[in-house]
């Protein structure tokens, strides 16, 4: 099956080849949120390294530059084992997935723990991320959503809080545009948003996307930030 990159029109013979291309050529265009903040502030890389070293000791820091005062969320204090730097439980393989509230696209409020009894693929995304958009298209059009559903699993896509402070389409637009209509009106395929604590817990390093495979008892059995479609074969085997 031929797959064309929607951004540069280069064609690939496999999903994995397409996603490797995205990760190399397009995903890096936005970069890590923390790095974007550094670039916007005009602070040098050497200054960041010094500040990061001080921050690891838990010393509060305020940076003042020509552009004003810089506040950096990624410069967090030292964290206790099993917790994020903000005192929130980390999502950890082999442990019960931290419970989070999820507001679905139709306005319904649920919690992650309410989904126990089913395996769950929990995918955190930024809607502006090119590889997230392409992954959504591949999941819908290449039959992967159907394979996941055939295993009795629920698939839950959650937008990272405030899209990691970058402008992007709404989650509804993300699912309808890149899911090519397949994602609509399916009770096992959920799209929603959550609170800041959810991002701190499940994506403390601010990856543009990260997924978790959760078993029917609510225990995390795998996670990766290297791209859901890149690992889709193992994900389907694990659920």
C-alpha atoms as a PDB file:
ATOM      1  CA  UNK A   1       0.000   0.000   0.000  1.00  0.00           C
ATOM      2  CA  UNK A   2       1.364   3.419  -0.968  1.00  0.00           C
ATOM      3  CA  UNK A   3       1.387   6.145   1.676  1.00  0.00           C
ATOM      4  CA  UNK A   4       1.960   9.780   0.803  1.00  0.00           C
ATOM      5  CA  UNK A   5       3.240  12.406   3.215  1.00  0.00           C
ATOM      6  CA  UNK A   6       0.562  15.078   3.418  1.00  0.00           C
ATOM      7  CA  UNK A   7       3.172  17.800   4.000  1.00  0.00           C
ATOM      8  CA  UNK A   8       5.778  17.163   1.277  1.00  0.00           C
ATOM      9  CA  UNK A   9       3.985  14.572  -0.946  1.00  0.00           C
ATOM     10  CA  UNK A  10       6.828  12.050  -0.723  1.00  0.00           C
ATOM     11  CA  UNK A  11       5.509   8.486  -1.099  1.00  0.00           C
ATOM     12  CA  UNK A  12       6.384   5.448   1.011  1.00  0.00           C
ATOM     13  CA  UNK A  13       5.618   1.733   0.659  1.00  0.00           C
ATOM     14  CA  UNK A  14       4.890   1.161   4.358  1.00  0.00           C
ATOM     15  CA  UNK A  15       3.357   2.867   7.379  1.00  0.00           C
ATOM     16  CA  UNK A  16       6.595   2.507   9.312  1.00  0.00           C
ATOM     17  CA  UNK A  17       8.582   4.212   6.554  1.00  0.00           C
ATOM     18  CA  UNK A  18       6.115   7.080   6.473  1.00  0.00           C
ATOM     19  CA  UNK A  19       6.229   7.538  10.243  1.00  0.00           C
ATOM     20  CA  UNK A  20      10.045   7.446  10.322  1.00  0.00           C
ATOM     21  CA  UNK A  21       9.996  10.193   7.717  1.00  0.00           C
ATOM     22  CA  UNK A  22       7.563  12.238   9.819  1.00  0.00           C
ATOM     23  CA  UNK A  23       9.616  11.867  12.964  1.00  0.00           C
ATOM     24  CA  UNK A  24      12.799  12.893  11.129  1.00  0.00           C
ATOM     25  CA  UNK A  25      11.478  15.689   8.919  1.00  0.00           C
ATOM     26  CA  UNK A  26       8.280  17.142  10.326  1.00  0.00           C
ATOM     27  CA  UNK A  27       7.801  16.285  13.990  1.00  0.00           C
ATOM     28  CA  UNK A  28      10.953  18.208  14.876  1.00  0.00           C
ATOM     29  CA  UNK A  29       9.664  21.386  13.241  1.00  0.00           C
ATOM     30  CA  UNK A  30       7.776  22.313  16.416  1.00  0.00           C
ATOM     31  CA  UNK A  31      10.293  20.761  18.763  1.00  0.00           C
ATOM     32  CA  UNK A  32       9.962  20.249  22.489  1.00  0.00           C
ATOM     33  CA  UNK A  33       7.812  22.807  24.272  1.00  0.00           C
ATOM     34  CA  UNK A  34      10.600  23.642  26.692  1.00  0.00           C
ATOM     35  CA  UNK A  35      13.033  24.311  23.857  1.00  0.00           C
ATOM     36  CA  UNK A  36      10.477  26.604  22.215  1.00  0.00           C
ATOM     37  CA  UNK A  37      10.243  28.572  25.441  1.00  0.00           C
ATOM     38  CA  UNK A  38      14.039  28.912  25.524  1.00  0.00           C
ATOM     39  CA  UNK A  39      14.145  30.146  21.927  1.00  0.00           C
ATOM     40  CA  UNK A  40      11.388  32.666  22.544  1.00  0.00           C
ATOM     41  CA  UNK A  41      13.175  34.028  25.601  1.00  0.00           C
ATOM     42  CA  UNK A  42      16.526  34.520  23.869  1.00  0.00           C
ATOM     43  CA  UNK A  43      18.379  32.739  26.686  1.00  0.00           C
ATOM     44  CA  UNK A  44      21.525  30.890  25.607  1.00  0.00           C
ATOM     45  CA  UNK A  45      21.920  27.121  25.803  1.00  0.00           C
ATOM     46  CA  UNK A  46      24.796  27.468  28.284  1.00  0.00           C
ATOM     47  CA  UNK A  47      22.601  29.510  30.593  1.00  0.00           C
ATOM     48  CA  UNK A  48      19.917  26.849  30.380  1.00  0.00           C
ATOM     49  CA  UNK A  49      22.393  24.120  31.358  1.00  0.00           C
ATOM     50  CA  UNK A  50      23.520  26.083  34.398  1.00  0.00           C
ATOM     51  CA  UNK A  51      19.966  26.867  35.423  1.00  0.00           C
ATOM     52  CA  UNK A  52      18.879  23.254  34.918  1.00  0.00           C
ATOM     53  CA  UNK A  53      21.674  22.063  37.191  1.00  0.00           C
ATOM     54  CA  UNK A  54      20.556  24.470  39.921  1.00  0.00           C
ATOM     55  CA  UNK A  55      16.917  23.482  39.434  1.00  0.00           C
ATOM     56  CA  UNK A  56      17.737  19.820  40.050  1.00  0.00           C
ATOM     57  CA  UNK A  57      18.686  20.849  43.575  1.00  0.00           C
ATOM     58  CA  UNK A  58      15.210  22.261  44.111  1.00  0.00           C
ATOM     59  CA  UNK A  59      16.255  25.912  44.231  1.00  0.00           C
ATOM     60  CA  UNK A  60      13.519  28.270  42.962  1.00  0.00           C
ATOM     61  CA  UNK A  61      14.627  30.199  39.890  1.00  0.00           C
ATOM     62  CA  UNK A  62      13.441  33.289  38.078  1.00  0.00           C
ATOM     63  CA  UNK A  63      15.285  34.267  34.909  1.00  0.00           C
ATOM     64  CA  UNK A  64      15.365  37.868  33.781  1.00  0.00           C
ATOM     65  CA  UNK A  65      16.433  38.684  30.251  1.00  0.00           C
ATOM     66  CA  UNK A  66      16.038  41.392  27.689  1.00  0.00           C
ATOM     67  CA  UNK A  67      12.567  40.096  26.877  1.00  0.00           C
ATOM     68  CA  UNK A  68      11.442  40.190  30.498  1.00  0.00           C
ATOM     69  CA  UNK A  69      11.011  37.525  33.145  1.00  0.00           C
ATOM     70  CA  UNK A  70      11.053  33.909  31.983  1.00  0.00           C
ATOM     71  CA  UNK A  71       9.019  31.255  33.783  1.00  0.00           C
ATOM     72  CA  UNK A  72       9.930  27.721  32.726  1.00  0.00           C
ATOM     73  CA  UNK A  73       7.608  24.855  33.562  1.00  0.00           C
ATOM     74  CA  UNK A  74      10.222  22.239  32.709  1.00  0.00           C
ATOM     75  CA  UNK A  75      12.585  23.541  35.424  1.00  0.00           C
ATOM     76  CA  UNK A  76      10.915  21.517  38.137  1.00  0.00           C
ATOM     77  CA  UNK A  77      12.139  20.753  41.663  1.00  0.00           C
ATOM     78  CA  UNK A  78      13.592  17.392  42.631  1.00  0.00           C
ATOM     79  CA  UNK A  79      10.870  14.763  42.679  1.00  0.00           C
ATOM     80  CA  UNK A  80      10.140  11.925  45.061  1.00  0.00           C
ATOM     81  CA  UNK A  81      10.088   8.363  43.766  1.00  0.00           C
ATOM     82  CA  UNK A  82       6.751   7.506  42.167  1.00  0.00           C
ATOM     83  CA  UNK A  83       5.684  11.121  41.863  1.00  0.00           C
ATOM     84  CA  UNK A  84       6.051  13.841  39.307  1.00  0.00           C
ATOM     85  CA  UNK A  85       7.872  17.014  40.291  1.00  0.00           C
ATOM     86  CA  UNK A  86       4.473  18.465  41.206  1.00  0.00           C
ATOM     87  CA  UNK A  87       3.589  15.796  43.782  1.00  0.00           C
ATOM     88  CA  UNK A  88       1.278  13.919  41.396  1.00  0.00           C
ATOM     89  CA  UNK A  89       1.495  10.146  40.919  1.00  0.00           C
ATOM     90  CA  UNK A  90       3.547   9.128  37.905  1.00  0.00           C
ATOM     91  CA  UNK A  91       2.095   6.743  35.342  1.00  0.00           C
ATOM     92  CA  UNK A  92       4.358   3.704  35.734  1.00  0.00           C
ATOM     93  CA  UNK A  93       4.499   0.297  34.048  1.00  0.00           C
ATOM     94  CA  UNK A  94       3.320  -2.429  36.411  1.00  0.00           C
ATOM     95  CA  UNK A  95       1.213  -0.077  38.523  1.00  0.00           C
ATOM     96  CA  UNK A  96      -2.427   0.966  38.382  1.00  0.00           C
ATOM     97  CA  UNK A  97      -2.889   3.845  35.959  1.00  0.00           C
ATOM     98  CA  UNK A  98      -3.452   7.120  37.843  1.00  0.00           C
ATOM     99  CA  UNK A  99      -7.109   8.025  37.662  1.00  0.00           C
ATOM    100  CA  UNK A 100      -7.881  11.160  35.662  1.00  0.00           C
ATOM    101  CA  UNK A 101     -11.089  12.931  34.664  1.00  0.00           C
ATOM    102  CA  UNK A 102     -11.848  12.995  30.941  1.00  0.00           C
ATOM    103  CA  UNK A 103     -14.370  15.288  29.287  1.00  0.00           C
ATOM    104  CA  UNK A 104     -15.474  13.648  26.055  1.00  0.00           C
ATOM    105  CA  UNK A 105     -16.136  15.549  22.842  1.00  0.00           C
ATOM    106  CA  UNK A 106     -19.910  15.233  23.425  1.00  0.00           C
ATOM    107  CA  UNK A 107     -19.589  16.870  26.860  1.00  0.00           C
ATOM    108  CA  UNK A 108     -19.895  13.662  28.900  1.00  0.00           C
ATOM    109  CA  UNK A 109     -17.596  13.461  31.928  1.00  0.00           C
ATOM    110  CA  UNK A 110     -15.974  10.128  32.740  1.00  0.00           C
ATOM    111  CA  UNK A 111     -12.930   8.909  34.639  1.00  0.00           C
ATOM    112  CA  UNK A 112     -10.200   6.587  33.427  1.00  0.00           C
ATOM    113  CA  UNK A 113     -10.966   4.141  36.259  1.00  0.00           C
ATOM    114  CA  UNK A 114     -14.564   3.806  35.015  1.00  0.00           C
ATOM    115  CA  UNK A 115     -13.207   2.005  31.938  1.00  0.00           C
ATOM    116  CA  UNK A 116     -11.823  -0.940  33.905  1.00  0.00           C
ATOM    117  CA  UNK A 117     -13.043  -4.287  32.670  1.00  0.00           C
ATOM    118  CA  UNK A 118     -11.712  -3.502  29.193  1.00  0.00           C
ATOM    119  CA  UNK A 119      -8.159  -3.183  27.923  1.00  0.00           C
ATOM    120  CA  UNK A 120      -7.460   0.450  27.071  1.00  0.00           C
ATOM    121  CA  UNK A 121      -5.099   2.134  24.642  1.00  0.00           C
ATOM    122  CA  UNK A 122      -4.621   5.629  26.078  1.00  0.00           C
ATOM    123  CA  UNK A 123      -3.075   8.019  23.566  1.00  0.00           C
ATOM    124  CA  UNK A 124      -2.083  11.559  24.577  1.00  0.00           C
ATOM    125  CA  UNK A 125      -1.625  13.905  21.616  1.00  0.00           C
ATOM    126  CA  UNK A 126      -1.066  17.468  20.566  1.00  0.00           C
ATOM    127  CA  UNK A 127      -3.492  18.255  17.761  1.00  0.00           C
ATOM    128  CA  UNK A 128      -0.989  20.429  15.872  1.00  0.00           C
ATOM    129  CA  UNK A 129       1.710  17.712  15.780  1.00  0.00           C
ATOM    130  CA  UNK A 130       2.186  16.494  12.160  1.00  0.00           C
ATOM    131  CA  UNK A 131       2.963  12.902  13.160  1.00  0.00           C
ATOM    132  CA  UNK A 132      -0.101  12.800  15.450  1.00  0.00           C
ATOM    133  CA  UNK A 133      -2.257  13.951  12.552  1.00  0.00           C
ATOM    134  CA  UNK A 134      -0.747  11.390  10.194  1.00  0.00           C
ATOM    135  CA  UNK A 135      -1.030   8.645  12.821  1.00  0.00           C
ATOM    136  CA  UNK A 136      -4.732   9.397  13.234  1.00  0.00           C
ATOM    137  CA  UNK A 137      -5.185   9.047   9.490  1.00  0.00           C
ATOM    138  CA  UNK A 138      -3.272   5.756   9.371  1.00  0.00           C
ATOM    139  CA  UNK A 139      -5.163   4.305  12.349  1.00  0.00           C
ATOM    140  CA  UNK A 140      -8.500   5.053  10.687  1.00  0.00           C
ATOM    141  CA  UNK A 141      -7.718   4.249   7.081  1.00  0.00           C
ATOM    142  CA  UNK A 142      -5.410   1.234   7.398  1.00  0.00           C
ATOM    143  CA  UNK A 143      -7.608  -0.877   9.632  1.00  0.00           C
ATOM    144  CA  UNK A 144      -5.736  -0.544  12.912  1.00  0.00           C
ATOM    145  CA  UNK A 145      -8.693   0.882  14.816  1.00  0.00           C
ATOM    146  CA  UNK A 146     -10.732  -2.138  13.676  1.00  0.00           C
ATOM    147  CA  UNK A 147      -8.035  -4.545  14.873  1.00  0.00           C
ATOM    148  CA  UNK A 148      -7.947  -2.892  18.285  1.00  0.00           C
ATOM    149  CA  UNK A 149     -11.733  -3.046  18.553  1.00  0.00           C
ATOM    150  CA  UNK A 150     -11.687  -6.731  17.561  1.00  0.00           C
ATOM    151  CA  UNK A 151      -9.558  -7.408  20.664  1.00  0.00           C
ATOM    152  CA  UNK A 152     -12.280  -5.952  22.878  1.00  0.00           C
ATOM    153  CA  UNK A 153     -10.278  -2.871  23.754  1.00  0.00           C
ATOM    154  CA  UNK A 154     -11.267   0.754  24.179  1.00  0.00           C
ATOM    155  CA  UNK A 155      -9.214   3.432  22.438  1.00  0.00           C
ATOM    156  CA  UNK A 156      -9.042   6.765  24.248  1.00  0.00           C
ATOM    157  CA  UNK A 157      -7.382   9.829  22.693  1.00  0.00           C
ATOM    158  CA  UNK A 158      -6.726  12.677  25.137  1.00  0.00           C
ATOM    159  CA  UNK A 159      -5.448  16.097  24.133  1.00  0.00           C
ATOM    160  CA  UNK A 160      -2.480  17.160  26.256  1.00  0.00           C
ATOM    161  CA  UNK A 161      -3.405  20.121  28.418  1.00  0.00           C
ATOM    162  CA  UNK A 162      -3.896  23.261  26.339  1.00  0.00           C
ATOM    163  CA  UNK A 163      -2.090  21.511  23.458  1.00  0.00           C
ATOM    164  CA  UNK A 164       1.180  22.160  25.331  1.00  0.00           C
ATOM    165  CA  UNK A 165       0.579  25.875  24.871  1.00  0.00           C
ATOM    166  CA  UNK A 166       0.724  25.792  21.085  1.00  0.00           C
ATOM    167  CA  UNK A 167      -2.170  26.682  18.735  1.00  0.00           C
ATOM    168  CA  UNK A 168      -3.843  23.727  17.067  1.00  0.00           C
ATOM    169  CA  UNK A 169      -7.208  22.477  15.823  1.00  0.00           C
ATOM    170  CA  UNK A 170      -9.855  21.404  18.313  1.00  0.00           C
ATOM    171  CA  UNK A 171      -9.864  17.727  19.201  1.00  0.00           C
ATOM    172  CA  UNK A 172     -13.178  17.332  17.362  1.00  0.00           C
ATOM    173  CA  UNK A 173     -11.662  18.809  14.213  1.00  0.00           C
ATOM    174  CA  UNK A 174      -8.562  16.657  14.673  1.00  0.00           C
ATOM    175  CA  UNK A 175     -10.607  13.450  14.834  1.00  0.00           C
ATOM    176  CA  UNK A 176     -13.045  14.326  12.035  1.00  0.00           C
ATOM    177  CA  UNK A 177     -10.449  15.695   9.624  1.00  0.00           C
ATOM    178  CA  UNK A 178      -7.685  13.143  10.049  1.00  0.00           C
ATOM    179  CA  UNK A 179      -9.910  10.225  11.055  1.00  0.00           C
ATOM    180  CA  UNK A 180     -11.769  10.621   7.758  1.00  0.00           C
ATOM    181  CA  UNK A 181     -15.162  10.180   9.386  1.00  0.00           C
ATOM    182  CA  UNK A 182     -14.361   6.705  10.739  1.00  0.00           C
ATOM    183  CA  UNK A 183     -13.970   7.971  14.292  1.00  0.00           C
ATOM    184  CA  UNK A 184     -17.511   9.316  14.612  1.00  0.00           C
ATOM    185  CA  UNK A 185     -20.209   7.701  16.779  1.00  0.00           C
ATOM    186  CA  UNK A 186     -18.299   4.697  18.058  1.00  0.00           C
ATOM    187  CA  UNK A 187     -18.769   3.912  21.738  1.00  0.00           C
ATOM    188  CA  UNK A 188     -15.365   2.215  22.043  1.00  0.00           C
ATOM    189  CA  UNK A 189     -13.454   5.059  20.368  1.00  0.00           C
ATOM    190  CA  UNK A 190     -13.322   8.043  22.707  1.00  0.00           C
ATOM    191  CA  UNK A 191     -11.871  11.531  22.290  1.00  0.00           C
ATOM    192  CA  UNK A 192     -11.556  13.944  25.184  1.00  0.00           C
ATOM    193  CA  UNK A 193      -9.634  16.478  27.206  1.00  0.00           C
ATOM    194  CA  UNK A 194      -8.356  16.369  30.754  1.00  0.00           C
ATOM    195  CA  UNK A 195      -6.775  18.642  33.326  1.00  0.00           C
ATOM    196  CA  UNK A 196      -3.223  19.854  33.881  1.00  0.00           C
ATOM    197  CA  UNK A 197      -2.577  17.137  36.465  1.00  0.00           C
ATOM    198  CA  UNK A 198      -3.158  14.481  33.808  1.00  0.00           C
ATOM    199  CA  UNK A 199      -0.404  15.939  31.631  1.00  0.00           C
ATOM    200  CA  UNK A 200       1.960  16.197  34.616  1.00  0.00           C
ATOM    201  CA  UNK A 201       1.243  12.562  35.491  1.00  0.00           C
ATOM    202  CA  UNK A 202       1.306  10.938  32.051  1.00  0.00           C
ATOM    203  CA  UNK A 203       3.584  13.264  30.076  1.00  0.00           C
ATOM    204  CA  UNK A 204       5.914  15.079  32.491  1.00  0.00           C
ATOM    205  CA  UNK A 205       8.610  15.465  29.814  1.00  0.00           C
ATOM    206  CA  UNK A 206       6.161  17.157  27.436  1.00  0.00           C
ATOM    207  CA  UNK A 207       6.428  14.727  24.527  1.00  0.00           C
ATOM    208  CA  UNK A 208       4.209  15.726  21.617  1.00  0.00           C
ATOM    209  CA  UNK A 209       2.556  12.321  21.878  1.00  0.00           C
ATOM    210  CA  UNK A 210       2.776   9.393  24.269  1.00  0.00           C
ATOM    211  CA  UNK A 211       0.648   6.264  24.626  1.00  0.00           C
ATOM    212  CA  UNK A 212      -0.095   3.739  27.362  1.00  0.00           C
ATOM    213  CA  UNK A 213      -1.436   0.199  27.103  1.00  0.00           C
ATOM    214  CA  UNK A 214      -3.595  -0.588  30.144  1.00  0.00           C
ATOM    215  CA  UNK A 215      -5.010  -4.031  30.919  1.00  0.00           C
ATOM    216  CA  UNK A 216      -8.578  -4.765  31.998  1.00  0.00           C
ATOM    217  CA  UNK A 217      -7.573  -4.453  35.668  1.00  0.00           C
ATOM    218  CA  UNK A 218      -6.336  -0.908  35.106  1.00  0.00           C
ATOM    219  CA  UNK A 219      -2.623  -1.755  35.291  1.00  0.00           C
ATOM    220  CA  UNK A 220      -0.187  -0.168  32.826  1.00  0.00           C
ATOM    221  CA  UNK A 221       1.604  -2.852  30.821  1.00  0.00           C
ATOM    222  CA  UNK A 222       3.486  -0.699  28.307  1.00  0.00           C
ATOM    223  CA  UNK A 223       4.163   2.879  27.269  1.00  0.00           C
ATOM    224  CA  UNK A 224       6.188   4.705  24.626  1.00  0.00           C
ATOM    225  CA  UNK A 225       6.725   8.208  23.276  1.00  0.00           C
ATOM    226  CA  UNK A 226       8.289   7.026  20.001  1.00  0.00           C
ATOM    227  CA  UNK A 227       5.034   7.110  18.037  1.00  0.00           C
ATOM    228  CA  UNK A 228       1.924   4.968  18.330  1.00  0.00           C
ATOM    229  CA  UNK A 229       1.867   3.881  14.690  1.00  0.00           C
ATOM    230  CA  UNK A 230       5.554   2.976  14.870  1.00  0.00           C
ATOM    231  CA  UNK A 231       4.640   0.401  17.541  1.00  0.00           C
ATOM    232  CA  UNK A 232       1.101  -0.493  16.519  1.00  0.00           C
ATOM    233  CA  UNK A 233       1.853  -4.181  15.918  1.00  0.00           C
ATOM    234  CA  UNK A 234       3.103  -4.728  19.473  1.00  0.00           C
ATOM    235  CA  UNK A 235       0.265  -2.632  20.887  1.00  0.00           C
ATOM    236  CA  UNK A 236      -2.338  -4.859  19.213  1.00  0.00           C
ATOM    237  CA  UNK A 237      -0.567  -7.975  20.521  1.00  0.00           C
ATOM    238  CA  UNK A 238      -0.447  -6.625  24.082  1.00  0.00           C
ATOM    239  CA  UNK A 239      -4.115  -5.740  24.518  1.00  0.00           C
END
